[in-house]
Amino acid sequence: MMLAAFVAPGVAADESPSPNPATIDVAVASQPVEPGATAQLTVRVVPAAGIKINRYPKIQVTVPEVDGLVGASAASLGNPKPPPVDNPESNYFKEPEPVQLELHVSADAPSGAQEIGAEIKYFYCVAASGYCAPARSQFKIPVSVK
């Protein structure tokens, strides 16, 4: 049996993922939201200095159902397949692009300020070393219900 490992040039085999490769920006349009209405959610992955965010695999945002508040929602942004071998730079976002989701607020949602937990998954690369890794982050969506 033969095992192989790939380490990009200039990358130490024990290099670990960046603890904060990006910040997650969240915006909800048209607040406060009426019970039974739909709110537009925009999520952006803003990379830290020296970090590139990959188009492939896609950025994935997931909002689980919160009974009596919002229905489940999910969206993705990016490319469905890897970049061409002769153009690997095409795999990176040049600037943060928005992931758009709809939040369906329950008709019986309580009024007032609410926070909804969500998750984002994405891949990033360190520009200086070429080290790449998956990232997963939990974040809160602030929603004001009328």
N, C-alpha and C. Protein backbone atom coordinates (compact mmCIF):
# COMPACT_ATOMS: atom_id res chain seq x y z
N MET A 1 0.85 -1.16 0.00
CA MET A 1 0.00 0.00 0.00
C MET A 1 0.90 1.23 0.00
N MET A 2 0.52 2.22 -0.80
CA MET A 2 1.30 3.44 -0.87
C MET A 2 0.42 4.62 -0.46
N LEU A 3 0.94 5.44 0.44
CA LEU A 3 0.23 6.64 0.87
C LEU A 3 1.00 7.85 0.38
N ALA A 4 0.27 8.87 -0.04
CA ALA A 4 0.92 10.10 -0.51
C ALA A 4 0.23 11.29 0.13
N ALA A 5 1.00 12.30 0.35
CA ALA A 5 0.46 13.55 0.89
C ALA A 5 0.93 14.68 0.01
N PHE A 6 0.08 15.65 -0.21
CA PHE A 6 0.46 16.80 -1.01
C PHE A 6 0.61 18.01 -0.11
N VAL A 7 1.74 18.65 -0.20
CA VAL A 7 1.98 19.89 0.53
C VAL A 7 2.39 20.92 -0.51
N ALA A 8 1.67 22.01 -0.55
CA ALA A 8 1.99 23.07 -1.50
C ALA A 8 3.37 23.63 -1.22
N PRO A 9 4.08 24.08 -2.25
CA PRO A 9 5.41 24.65 -2.04
C PRO A 9 5.37 25.78 -1.02
N GLY A 10 6.32 25.78 -0.11
CA GLY A 10 6.41 26.86 0.87
C GLY A 10 5.46 26.68 2.04
N VAL A 11 4.76 25.55 2.12
CA VAL A 11 3.80 25.32 3.20
C VAL A 11 4.34 24.22 4.10
N ALA A 12 4.43 24.51 5.36
CA ALA A 12 4.85 23.48 6.31
C ALA A 12 3.75 22.45 6.45
N ALA A 13 4.13 21.17 6.55
CA ALA A 13 3.14 20.10 6.64
C ALA A 13 2.25 20.24 7.86
N ASP A 14 2.76 20.91 8.91
CA ASP A 14 1.96 21.04 10.13
C ASP A 14 1.25 22.38 10.23
N GLU A 15 1.21 23.15 9.13
CA GLU A 15 0.52 24.45 9.18
C GLU A 15 -0.95 24.21 9.48
N SER A 16 -1.49 24.98 10.39
CA SER A 16 -2.88 24.79 10.78
C SER A 16 -3.74 25.90 10.18
N PRO A 17 -5.05 25.67 10.10
CA PRO A 17 -5.95 26.67 9.53
C PRO A 17 -5.89 27.99 10.30
N SER A 18 -6.13 29.05 9.58
CA SER A 18 -6.20 30.37 10.20
C SER A 18 -7.40 30.40 11.13
N PRO A 19 -7.25 30.92 12.38
CA PRO A 19 -8.39 30.92 13.30
C PRO A 19 -9.52 31.84 12.85
N ASN A 20 -9.22 32.90 12.14
CA ASN A 20 -10.23 33.83 11.65
C ASN A 20 -9.91 34.25 10.22
N PRO A 21 -10.13 33.35 9.25
CA PRO A 21 -9.79 33.70 7.88
C PRO A 21 -10.69 34.78 7.28
N ALA A 22 -11.86 35.00 7.89
CA ALA A 22 -12.80 35.98 7.34
C ALA A 22 -13.80 36.40 8.41
N THR A 23 -14.44 37.52 8.16
CA THR A 23 -15.57 37.93 9.00
C THR A 23 -16.84 37.71 8.19
N ILE A 24 -17.92 37.51 8.88
CA ILE A 24 -19.21 37.27 8.22
C ILE A 24 -20.08 38.51 8.44
N ASP A 25 -20.45 39.18 7.34
CA ASP A 25 -21.33 40.35 7.40
C ASP A 25 -22.76 39.89 7.09
N VAL A 26 -23.70 40.31 7.92
CA VAL A 26 -25.10 39.90 7.79
C VAL A 26 -25.98 41.14 7.75
N ALA A 27 -26.93 41.17 6.82
CA ALA A 27 -27.89 42.27 6.75
C ALA A 27 -29.26 41.71 6.42
N VAL A 28 -30.27 42.23 7.10
CA VAL A 28 -31.66 41.85 6.83
C VAL A 28 -32.38 43.11 6.35
N ALA A 29 -32.96 43.04 5.16
CA ALA A 29 -33.64 44.18 4.57
C ALA A 29 -35.06 44.33 5.13
N SER A 30 -35.56 45.55 5.08
CA SER A 30 -36.96 45.86 5.42
C SER A 30 -37.37 45.39 6.81
N GLN A 31 -36.69 45.92 7.81
CA GLN A 31 -37.08 45.60 9.19
C GLN A 31 -37.88 46.76 9.76
N PRO A 32 -38.79 46.56 10.65
CA PRO A 32 -39.23 45.26 11.18
C PRO A 32 -40.03 44.47 10.15
N VAL A 33 -40.03 43.15 10.33
CA VAL A 33 -40.70 42.24 9.42
C VAL A 33 -42.07 41.88 9.99
N GLU A 34 -43.07 41.92 9.13
CA GLU A 34 -44.42 41.52 9.53
C GLU A 34 -44.48 40.01 9.74
N PRO A 35 -45.18 39.53 10.76
CA PRO A 35 -45.39 38.08 10.89
C PRO A 35 -46.06 37.55 9.62
N GLY A 36 -45.60 36.41 9.14
CA GLY A 36 -46.13 35.81 7.92
C GLY A 36 -45.46 36.32 6.66
N ALA A 37 -44.57 37.31 6.76
CA ALA A 37 -43.89 37.89 5.60
C ALA A 37 -42.53 37.22 5.37
N THR A 38 -41.90 37.63 4.30
CA THR A 38 -40.58 37.14 3.94
C THR A 38 -39.58 38.28 4.01
N ALA A 39 -38.45 38.03 4.62
CA ALA A 39 -37.38 39.03 4.72
C ALA A 39 -36.20 38.59 3.86
N GLN A 40 -35.54 39.55 3.22
CA GLN A 40 -34.35 39.26 2.42
C GLN A 40 -33.11 39.33 3.31
N LEU A 41 -32.33 38.27 3.29
CA LEU A 41 -31.10 38.17 4.06
C LEU A 41 -29.91 38.20 3.11
N THR A 42 -28.91 39.02 3.42
CA THR A 42 -27.68 39.08 2.64
C THR A 42 -26.52 38.73 3.57
N VAL A 43 -25.70 37.77 3.13
CA VAL A 43 -24.54 37.34 3.89
C VAL A 43 -23.31 37.48 2.99
N ARG A 44 -22.23 38.06 3.54
CA ARG A 44 -20.98 38.21 2.79
C ARG A 44 -19.83 37.65 3.63
N VAL A 45 -18.92 36.94 2.95
CA VAL A 45 -17.68 36.47 3.57
C VAL A 45 -16.62 37.50 3.20
N VAL A 46 -16.12 38.23 4.19
CA VAL A 46 -15.11 39.27 3.96
C VAL A 46 -13.77 38.73 4.45
N PRO A 47 -12.86 38.43 3.51
CA PRO A 47 -11.59 37.80 3.91
C PRO A 47 -10.67 38.73 4.69
N ALA A 48 -9.90 38.15 5.60
CA ALA A 48 -8.86 38.89 6.31
C ALA A 48 -7.73 39.18 5.31
N ALA A 49 -6.83 40.07 5.67
CA ALA A 49 -5.70 40.41 4.81
C ALA A 49 -4.92 39.15 4.47
N GLY A 50 -4.59 38.98 3.19
CA GLY A 50 -3.80 37.84 2.75
C GLY A 50 -4.57 36.55 2.55
N ILE A 51 -5.90 36.61 2.65
CA ILE A 51 -6.76 35.43 2.48
C ILE A 51 -7.59 35.58 1.21
N LYS A 52 -7.73 34.47 0.48
CA LYS A 52 -8.58 34.42 -0.71
C LYS A 52 -9.73 33.46 -0.42
N ILE A 53 -10.94 33.84 -0.82
CA ILE A 53 -12.12 32.98 -0.64
C ILE A 53 -12.38 32.26 -1.96
N ASN A 54 -12.52 30.94 -1.87
CA ASN A 54 -12.71 30.10 -3.07
C ASN A 54 -14.13 30.17 -3.62
N ARG A 55 -14.22 30.10 -4.95
CA ARG A 55 -15.52 29.95 -5.63
C ARG A 55 -15.96 28.49 -5.62
N TYR A 56 -14.97 27.57 -5.63
CA TYR A 56 -15.24 26.13 -5.59
C TYR A 56 -14.42 25.54 -4.47
N PRO A 57 -15.00 24.73 -3.63
CA PRO A 57 -16.42 24.44 -3.48
C PRO A 57 -17.21 25.70 -3.10
N LYS A 58 -18.49 25.65 -3.36
CA LYS A 58 -19.36 26.81 -3.13
C LYS A 58 -19.44 27.20 -1.66
N ILE A 59 -19.68 28.50 -1.44
CA ILE A 59 -20.03 29.00 -0.11
C ILE A 59 -21.45 28.51 0.16
N GLN A 60 -21.70 27.97 1.35
CA GLN A 60 -23.03 27.47 1.70
C GLN A 60 -23.51 28.12 2.99
N VAL A 61 -24.71 28.69 2.95
CA VAL A 61 -25.32 29.30 4.13
C VAL A 61 -26.57 28.49 4.47
N THR A 62 -26.70 28.13 5.75
CA THR A 62 -27.84 27.34 6.21
C THR A 62 -28.47 28.01 7.43
N VAL A 63 -29.78 28.20 7.36
CA VAL A 63 -30.56 28.72 8.48
C VAL A 63 -31.54 27.61 8.86
N PRO A 64 -31.41 27.02 10.04
CA PRO A 64 -32.35 25.96 10.43
C PRO A 64 -33.71 26.55 10.81
N GLU A 65 -34.74 25.72 10.74
CA GLU A 65 -36.06 26.15 11.18
C GLU A 65 -36.04 26.43 12.67
N VAL A 66 -36.68 27.52 13.05
CA VAL A 66 -36.90 27.82 14.46
C VAL A 66 -38.42 27.84 14.62
N ASP A 67 -38.96 26.82 15.27
CA ASP A 67 -40.40 26.67 15.39
C ASP A 67 -41.04 27.94 15.96
N GLY A 68 -42.05 28.42 15.26
CA GLY A 68 -42.77 29.61 15.70
C GLY A 68 -42.06 30.92 15.38
N LEU A 69 -40.95 30.85 14.63
CA LEU A 69 -40.22 32.07 14.28
C LEU A 69 -39.90 32.14 12.79
N VAL A 70 -39.08 31.21 12.27
CA VAL A 70 -38.73 31.19 10.84
C VAL A 70 -38.65 29.76 10.33
N GLY A 71 -38.89 29.62 9.03
CA GLY A 71 -38.71 28.34 8.36
C GLY A 71 -37.25 28.16 7.97
N ALA A 72 -36.86 26.95 7.68
CA ALA A 72 -35.49 26.66 7.25
C ALA A 72 -35.22 27.32 5.90
N SER A 73 -33.97 27.71 5.70
CA SER A 73 -33.57 28.34 4.45
C SER A 73 -32.11 28.01 4.18
N ALA A 74 -31.75 27.93 2.90
CA ALA A 74 -30.36 27.66 2.52
C ALA A 74 -30.09 28.27 1.16
N ALA A 75 -28.84 28.64 0.94
CA ALA A 75 -28.42 29.17 -0.35
C ALA A 75 -26.92 28.94 -0.50
N SER A 76 -26.46 28.99 -1.74
CA SER A 76 -25.03 28.84 -1.99
C SER A 76 -24.59 29.83 -3.07
N LEU A 77 -23.28 30.02 -3.14
CA LEU A 77 -22.70 30.95 -4.11
C LEU A 77 -21.35 30.41 -4.51
N GLY A 78 -21.09 30.38 -5.79
CA GLY A 78 -19.79 29.92 -6.27
C GLY A 78 -19.93 29.09 -7.52
N ASN A 79 -18.92 28.28 -7.78
CA ASN A 79 -18.88 27.46 -8.98
C ASN A 79 -19.17 25.99 -8.65
N PRO A 80 -19.88 25.30 -9.54
CA PRO A 80 -20.20 23.90 -9.31
C PRO A 80 -19.04 22.94 -9.59
N LYS A 81 -17.98 23.44 -10.24
CA LYS A 81 -16.84 22.57 -10.56
C LYS A 81 -15.54 23.35 -10.39
N PRO A 82 -14.42 22.63 -10.27
CA PRO A 82 -13.12 23.29 -10.07
C PRO A 82 -12.76 24.19 -11.25
N PRO A 83 -11.81 25.11 -11.00
CA PRO A 83 -11.38 26.00 -12.09
C PRO A 83 -10.55 25.24 -13.12
N PRO A 84 -10.39 25.81 -14.31
CA PRO A 84 -9.53 25.16 -15.30
C PRO A 84 -8.10 25.07 -14.77
N VAL A 85 -7.41 24.01 -15.11
CA VAL A 85 -6.04 23.79 -14.65
C VAL A 85 -5.13 24.94 -15.06
N ASP A 86 -5.38 25.52 -16.24
CA ASP A 86 -4.52 26.60 -16.73
C ASP A 86 -4.90 27.98 -16.18
N ASN A 87 -5.94 28.05 -15.31
CA ASN A 87 -6.36 29.34 -14.75
C ASN A 87 -6.85 29.17 -13.31
N PRO A 88 -5.97 28.74 -12.40
CA PRO A 88 -6.41 28.51 -11.02
C PRO A 88 -6.86 29.79 -10.30
N GLU A 89 -6.37 30.95 -10.71
CA GLU A 89 -6.77 32.21 -10.07
C GLU A 89 -8.25 32.53 -10.27
N SER A 90 -8.86 31.91 -11.28
CA SER A 90 -10.29 32.14 -11.52
C SER A 90 -11.16 31.52 -10.42
N ASN A 91 -10.54 30.75 -9.52
CA ASN A 91 -11.29 30.11 -8.45
C ASN A 91 -11.54 31.03 -7.25
N TYR A 92 -10.99 32.23 -7.26
CA TYR A 92 -11.12 33.12 -6.11
C TYR A 92 -12.05 34.29 -6.40
N PHE A 93 -12.85 34.66 -5.41
CA PHE A 93 -13.66 35.87 -5.52
C PHE A 93 -12.72 37.06 -5.49
N LYS A 94 -12.93 38.02 -6.36
CA LYS A 94 -12.10 39.23 -6.39
C LYS A 94 -12.48 40.17 -5.25
N GLU A 95 -13.75 40.17 -4.88
CA GLU A 95 -14.26 40.96 -3.75
C GLU A 95 -15.44 40.20 -3.18
N PRO A 96 -15.84 40.51 -1.95
CA PRO A 96 -16.97 39.78 -1.35
C PRO A 96 -18.26 39.94 -2.16
N GLU A 97 -18.87 38.83 -2.49
CA GLU A 97 -20.15 38.83 -3.20
C GLU A 97 -21.23 38.34 -2.25
N PRO A 98 -22.44 38.86 -2.40
CA PRO A 98 -23.50 38.48 -1.45
C PRO A 98 -24.13 37.13 -1.74
N VAL A 99 -24.39 36.40 -0.66
CA VAL A 99 -25.24 35.21 -0.73
C VAL A 99 -26.61 35.71 -0.29
N GLN A 100 -27.63 35.51 -1.12
CA GLN A 100 -28.98 36.00 -0.84
C GLN A 100 -29.87 34.84 -0.40
N LEU A 101 -30.60 35.06 0.68
CA LEU A 101 -31.56 34.07 1.18
C LEU A 101 -32.86 34.78 1.51
N GLU A 102 -33.93 34.01 1.53
CA GLU A 102 -35.21 34.52 2.01
C GLU A 102 -35.51 33.87 3.35
N LEU A 103 -35.90 34.68 4.31
CA LEU A 103 -36.34 34.18 5.61
C LEU A 103 -37.85 34.29 5.67
N HIS A 104 -38.53 33.17 5.82
CA HIS A 104 -39.99 33.16 5.92
C HIS A 104 -40.35 33.22 7.40
N VAL A 105 -40.85 34.37 7.83
CA VAL A 105 -41.20 34.59 9.23
C VAL A 105 -42.58 33.96 9.49
N SER A 106 -42.68 33.19 10.54
CA SER A 106 -43.94 32.51 10.90
C SER A 106 -45.04 33.54 11.18
N ALA A 107 -46.25 33.16 10.84
CA ALA A 107 -47.41 34.04 11.08
C ALA A 107 -47.62 34.28 12.57
N ASP A 108 -47.19 33.34 13.40
CA ASP A 108 -47.36 33.48 14.84
C ASP A 108 -46.05 33.88 15.55
N ALA A 109 -45.10 34.45 14.79
CA ALA A 109 -43.81 34.86 15.38
C ALA A 109 -44.05 35.95 16.42
N PRO A 110 -43.36 35.87 17.55
CA PRO A 110 -43.51 36.91 18.58
C PRO A 110 -42.89 38.23 18.11
N SER A 111 -43.48 39.32 18.50
CA SER A 111 -42.94 40.62 18.10
C SER A 111 -41.70 40.95 18.92
N GLY A 112 -40.88 41.84 18.35
CA GLY A 112 -39.67 42.27 19.05
C GLY A 112 -38.40 41.77 18.38
N ALA A 113 -37.28 42.08 19.00
CA ALA A 113 -35.97 41.69 18.48
C ALA A 113 -35.73 40.20 18.70
N GLN A 114 -35.29 39.54 17.67
CA GLN A 114 -35.00 38.11 17.72
C GLN A 114 -33.60 37.88 17.15
N GLU A 115 -32.95 36.81 17.57
CA GLU A 115 -31.68 36.39 16.98
C GLU A 115 -31.83 34.95 16.53
N ILE A 116 -31.48 34.71 15.27
CA ILE A 116 -31.63 33.38 14.68
C ILE A 116 -30.23 32.85 14.38
N GLY A 117 -29.93 31.66 14.87
CA GLY A 117 -28.63 31.05 14.61
C GLY A 117 -28.54 30.53 13.19
N ALA A 118 -27.36 30.65 12.58
CA ALA A 118 -27.14 30.18 11.22
C ALA A 118 -25.70 29.69 11.10
N GLU A 119 -25.41 29.03 9.97
CA GLU A 119 -24.07 28.51 9.74
C GLU A 119 -23.64 28.81 8.31
N ILE A 120 -22.35 29.08 8.15
CA ILE A 120 -21.77 29.27 6.82
C ILE A 120 -20.56 28.37 6.69
N LYS A 121 -20.41 27.76 5.50
CA LYS A 121 -19.26 26.92 5.19
C LYS A 121 -18.63 27.47 3.91
N TYR A 122 -17.30 27.53 3.90
CA TYR A 122 -16.59 28.01 2.73
C TYR A 122 -15.16 27.49 2.76
N PHE A 123 -14.46 27.63 1.65
CA PHE A 123 -13.04 27.28 1.58
C PHE A 123 -12.25 28.55 1.34
N TYR A 124 -11.05 28.58 1.89
CA TYR A 124 -10.18 29.75 1.71
C TYR A 124 -8.76 29.28 1.47
N CYS A 125 -7.93 30.19 0.94
CA CYS A 125 -6.51 29.93 0.74
C CYS A 125 -5.71 31.11 1.27
N VAL A 126 -4.54 30.80 1.81
CA VAL A 126 -3.61 31.84 2.26
C VAL A 126 -2.78 32.22 1.03
N ALA A 127 -2.84 33.49 0.63
CA ALA A 127 -2.17 33.94 -0.60
C ALA A 127 -0.66 33.71 -0.55
N ALA A 128 -0.03 33.99 0.58
CA ALA A 128 1.43 33.91 0.67
C ALA A 128 1.96 32.48 0.56
N SER A 129 1.26 31.52 1.13
CA SER A 129 1.78 30.15 1.17
C SER A 129 1.07 29.19 0.24
N GLY A 130 -0.15 29.50 -0.15
CA GLY A 130 -0.93 28.57 -0.97
C GLY A 130 -1.68 27.55 -0.13
N TYR A 131 -1.57 27.64 1.20
CA TYR A 131 -2.29 26.72 2.08
C TYR A 131 -3.78 26.97 1.96
N CYS A 132 -4.57 25.91 1.79
CA CYS A 132 -6.02 26.03 1.66
C CYS A 132 -6.71 25.13 2.67
N ALA A 133 -7.89 25.55 3.13
CA ALA A 133 -8.62 24.77 4.13
C ALA A 133 -10.10 25.12 4.10
N PRO A 134 -10.93 24.21 4.60
CA PRO A 134 -12.35 24.54 4.77
C PRO A 134 -12.54 25.37 6.03
N ALA A 135 -13.59 26.15 6.05
CA ALA A 135 -13.94 26.94 7.24
C ALA A 135 -15.43 26.79 7.48
N ARG A 136 -15.80 26.85 8.74
CA ARG A 136 -17.21 26.77 9.14
C ARG A 136 -17.38 27.78 10.26
N SER A 137 -18.45 28.56 10.18
CA SER A 137 -18.67 29.57 11.20
C SER A 137 -20.15 29.64 11.56
N GLN A 138 -20.41 29.78 12.85
CA GLN A 138 -21.77 30.01 13.33
C GLN A 138 -21.95 31.51 13.46
N PHE A 139 -23.12 32.02 13.12
CA PHE A 139 -23.38 33.44 13.28
C PHE A 139 -24.84 33.67 13.62
N LYS A 140 -25.18 34.86 14.05
CA LYS A 140 -26.54 35.22 14.44
C LYS A 140 -27.12 36.20 13.43
N ILE A 141 -28.41 36.03 13.15
CA ILE A 141 -29.15 36.93 12.26
C ILE A 141 -30.09 37.74 13.12
N PRO A 142 -29.87 39.07 13.16
CA PRO A 142 -30.78 39.91 13.95
C PRO A 142 -32.04 40.23 13.15
N VAL A 143 -33.18 39.86 13.69
CA VAL A 143 -34.46 40.12 13.02
C VAL A 143 -35.41 40.82 14.00
N SER A 144 -36.03 41.86 13.53
CA SER A 144 -37.03 42.56 14.32
C SER A 144 -38.40 42.24 13.74
N VAL A 145 -39.27 41.65 14.55
CA VAL A 145 -40.61 41.26 14.10
C VAL A 145 -41.59 42.31 14.61
N LYS A 146 -42.48 42.77 13.73
CA LYS A 146 -43.47 43.80 14.07
C LYS A 146 -44.52 43.26 15.00
